[in-house]
């Protein structure tokens, strides 16, 4: 995911413009790129919660569909 794509996704996420699958795809990409751990704390906590609940693996692969 390119830097400008991340910004577009963040704006869409924070404005409620992503559906459940979009949110899962967004966080999968954040985990894959490592950005989940460098952005504001909410993103890392949400990524960890998605991993802990079995939605994503620790490499950012989606394990379920939303």
N, C-alpha and C. Protein backbone atom coordinates (compact mmCIF):
# COMPACT_ATOMS: atom_id res chain seq x y z
N UNK A 1 0.86 -1.17 0.00
CA UNK A 1 0.00 0.00 0.00
C UNK A 1 0.90 1.24 0.00
N UNK A 2 0.65 2.13 -0.91
CA UNK A 2 1.44 3.35 -1.01
C UNK A 2 1.02 4.34 0.07
N UNK A 3 1.90 5.28 0.35
CA UNK A 3 1.65 6.25 1.42
C UNK A 3 0.32 6.98 1.23
N UNK A 4 0.03 7.43 0.02
CA UNK A 4 -1.23 8.16 -0.20
C UNK A 4 -2.43 7.25 -0.06
N UNK A 5 -2.28 5.96 -0.38
CA UNK A 5 -3.37 5.03 -0.17
C UNK A 5 -3.69 4.90 1.32
N UNK A 6 -2.66 4.88 2.15
CA UNK A 6 -2.85 4.78 3.59
C UNK A 6 -3.65 5.97 4.09
N UNK A 7 -3.31 7.15 3.62
CA UNK A 7 -4.03 8.36 4.04
C UNK A 7 -5.49 8.27 3.61
N UNK A 8 -5.74 7.84 2.38
CA UNK A 8 -7.13 7.70 1.91
C UNK A 8 -7.89 6.69 2.77
N UNK A 9 -7.24 5.56 3.09
CA UNK A 9 -7.88 4.55 3.93
C UNK A 9 -8.14 5.09 5.34
N UNK A 10 -7.19 5.82 5.89
CA UNK A 10 -7.38 6.39 7.23
C UNK A 10 -8.57 7.34 7.23
N UNK A 11 -8.64 8.19 6.23
CA UNK A 11 -9.76 9.13 6.15
C UNK A 11 -11.08 8.38 6.03
N UNK A 12 -11.13 7.38 5.16
CA UNK A 12 -12.35 6.59 4.99
C UNK A 12 -12.72 5.86 6.28
N UNK A 13 -11.71 5.26 6.94
CA UNK A 13 -11.95 4.53 8.19
C UNK A 13 -12.48 5.46 9.27
N UNK A 14 -11.81 6.58 9.45
CA UNK A 14 -12.19 7.48 10.54
C UNK A 14 -13.50 8.22 10.28
N UNK A 15 -13.92 8.30 9.02
CA UNK A 15 -15.19 8.96 8.72
C UNK A 15 -16.34 7.95 8.58
N UNK A 16 -16.05 6.68 8.84
CA UNK A 16 -17.09 5.66 8.77
C UNK A 16 -17.40 5.20 7.36
N UNK A 17 -16.48 5.43 6.44
CA UNK A 17 -16.71 5.11 5.04
C UNK A 17 -16.31 3.71 4.61
N UNK A 18 -15.87 2.88 5.54
CA UNK A 18 -15.49 1.50 5.19
C UNK A 18 -16.49 0.53 5.79
N UNK A 19 -16.87 -0.48 5.01
CA UNK A 19 -17.70 -1.54 5.57
C UNK A 19 -16.80 -2.52 6.31
N UNK A 20 -17.38 -3.56 6.85
CA UNK A 20 -16.61 -4.52 7.66
C UNK A 20 -15.47 -5.14 6.87
N UNK A 21 -15.73 -5.52 5.62
CA UNK A 21 -14.66 -6.09 4.80
C UNK A 21 -13.57 -5.06 4.50
N UNK A 22 -13.95 -3.82 4.28
CA UNK A 22 -12.99 -2.76 4.05
C UNK A 22 -12.10 -2.52 5.25
N UNK A 23 -12.69 -2.56 6.43
CA UNK A 23 -11.93 -2.39 7.67
C UNK A 23 -10.93 -3.53 7.84
N UNK A 24 -11.38 -4.75 7.59
CA UNK A 24 -10.50 -5.90 7.71
C UNK A 24 -9.35 -5.81 6.70
N UNK A 25 -9.66 -5.43 5.47
CA UNK A 25 -8.63 -5.27 4.43
C UNK A 25 -7.64 -4.18 4.83
N UNK A 26 -8.15 -3.08 5.35
CA UNK A 26 -7.31 -1.97 5.79
C UNK A 26 -6.34 -2.41 6.88
N UNK A 27 -6.86 -3.08 7.90
CA UNK A 27 -5.98 -3.50 9.00
C UNK A 27 -5.03 -4.61 8.56
N UNK A 28 -5.46 -5.45 7.63
CA UNK A 28 -4.55 -6.47 7.10
C UNK A 28 -3.36 -5.80 6.43
N UNK A 29 -3.61 -4.77 5.65
CA UNK A 29 -2.52 -4.05 4.99
C UNK A 29 -1.63 -3.31 6.00
N UNK A 30 -2.25 -2.74 7.04
CA UNK A 30 -1.44 -2.07 8.06
C UNK A 30 -0.51 -3.04 8.77
N UNK A 31 -1.00 -4.25 9.06
CA UNK A 31 -0.16 -5.26 9.71
C UNK A 31 0.93 -5.72 8.76
N UNK A 32 0.57 -6.01 7.51
CA UNK A 32 1.55 -6.47 6.51
C UNK A 32 2.69 -5.48 6.33
N UNK A 33 2.35 -4.21 6.32
CA UNK A 33 3.36 -3.17 6.08
C UNK A 33 4.11 -2.76 7.35
N UNK A 34 3.58 -3.15 8.51
CA UNK A 34 4.17 -2.74 9.77
C UNK A 34 3.67 -1.39 10.26
N UNK A 35 2.84 -0.73 9.47
CA UNK A 35 2.33 0.59 9.86
C UNK A 35 1.39 0.54 11.05
N UNK A 36 0.76 -0.60 11.28
CA UNK A 36 -0.16 -0.71 12.42
C UNK A 36 0.54 -0.38 13.73
N UNK A 37 1.83 -0.64 13.78
CA UNK A 37 2.59 -0.46 15.02
C UNK A 37 3.24 0.91 15.12
N UNK A 38 3.12 1.73 14.07
CA UNK A 38 3.75 3.05 14.10
C UNK A 38 2.74 4.19 14.10
N UNK A 39 1.49 3.89 13.76
CA UNK A 39 0.46 4.92 13.77
C UNK A 39 -0.05 5.14 15.19
N UNK A 40 -1.01 6.03 15.33
CA UNK A 40 -1.65 6.30 16.62
C UNK A 40 -2.02 4.98 17.29
N UNK A 41 -1.99 4.93 18.59
CA UNK A 41 -2.21 3.72 19.37
C UNK A 41 -3.45 2.93 19.04
N UNK A 42 -4.52 3.60 18.66
CA UNK A 42 -5.77 2.91 18.32
C UNK A 42 -5.55 1.87 17.23
N UNK A 43 -4.72 2.19 16.25
CA UNK A 43 -4.51 1.28 15.12
C UNK A 43 -3.78 0.01 15.57
N UNK A 44 -2.78 0.15 16.39
CA UNK A 44 -2.07 -1.02 16.90
C UNK A 44 -2.95 -1.86 17.81
N UNK A 45 -3.73 -1.20 18.66
CA UNK A 45 -4.63 -1.94 19.56
C UNK A 45 -5.70 -2.69 18.77
N UNK A 46 -6.25 -2.04 17.75
CA UNK A 46 -7.26 -2.69 16.93
C UNK A 46 -6.66 -3.84 16.14
N UNK A 47 -5.48 -3.65 15.59
CA UNK A 47 -4.80 -4.74 14.87
C UNK A 47 -4.55 -5.92 15.80
N UNK A 48 -4.07 -5.65 17.01
CA UNK A 48 -3.84 -6.74 17.98
C UNK A 48 -5.14 -7.46 18.33
N UNK A 49 -6.23 -6.71 18.46
CA UNK A 49 -7.52 -7.32 18.77
C UNK A 49 -8.00 -8.20 17.61
N UNK A 50 -7.80 -7.75 16.38
CA UNK A 50 -8.19 -8.55 15.22
C UNK A 50 -7.35 -9.83 15.13
N UNK A 51 -6.09 -9.74 15.49
CA UNK A 51 -5.22 -10.91 15.51
C UNK A 51 -5.65 -11.87 16.63
N UNK A 52 -5.86 -11.32 17.81
CA UNK A 52 -6.23 -12.14 18.97
C UNK A 52 -7.57 -12.84 18.78
N UNK A 53 -8.48 -12.20 18.06
CA UNK A 53 -9.80 -12.79 17.86
C UNK A 53 -9.88 -13.69 16.62
N UNK A 54 -8.76 -13.86 15.93
CA UNK A 54 -8.71 -14.79 14.81
C UNK A 54 -9.14 -14.24 13.46
N UNK A 55 -9.30 -12.93 13.34
CA UNK A 55 -9.65 -12.33 12.06
C UNK A 55 -8.43 -12.22 11.15
N UNK A 56 -7.28 -11.92 11.75
CA UNK A 56 -6.01 -11.78 11.01
C UNK A 56 -4.96 -12.65 11.68
N UNK A 57 -3.96 -13.08 10.88
CA UNK A 57 -2.81 -13.69 11.52
C UNK A 57 -1.77 -12.60 11.76
N UNK A 58 -0.67 -12.94 12.41
CA UNK A 58 0.31 -11.90 12.77
C UNK A 58 1.11 -11.38 11.58
N UNK A 59 0.89 -11.93 10.41
CA UNK A 59 1.54 -11.44 9.19
C UNK A 59 0.58 -10.55 8.37
N UNK A 60 -0.67 -10.43 8.83
CA UNK A 60 -1.64 -9.59 8.16
C UNK A 60 -2.53 -10.30 7.17
N UNK A 61 -2.53 -11.62 7.19
CA UNK A 61 -3.42 -12.36 6.30
C UNK A 61 -4.79 -12.51 6.96
N UNK A 62 -5.84 -12.22 6.18
CA UNK A 62 -7.19 -12.38 6.69
C UNK A 62 -7.52 -13.86 6.82
N UNK A 63 -8.03 -14.25 7.98
CA UNK A 63 -8.36 -15.64 8.23
C UNK A 63 -9.84 -15.92 8.07
N UNK A 64 -10.64 -14.85 8.09
CA UNK A 64 -12.10 -14.95 7.94
C UNK A 64 -12.56 -13.79 7.07
N UNK A 65 -13.77 -13.91 6.55
CA UNK A 65 -14.40 -12.78 5.88
C UNK A 65 -15.36 -12.13 6.85
N UNK A 66 -15.41 -10.82 6.80
CA UNK A 66 -16.29 -10.08 7.70
C UNK A 66 -17.72 -10.15 7.21
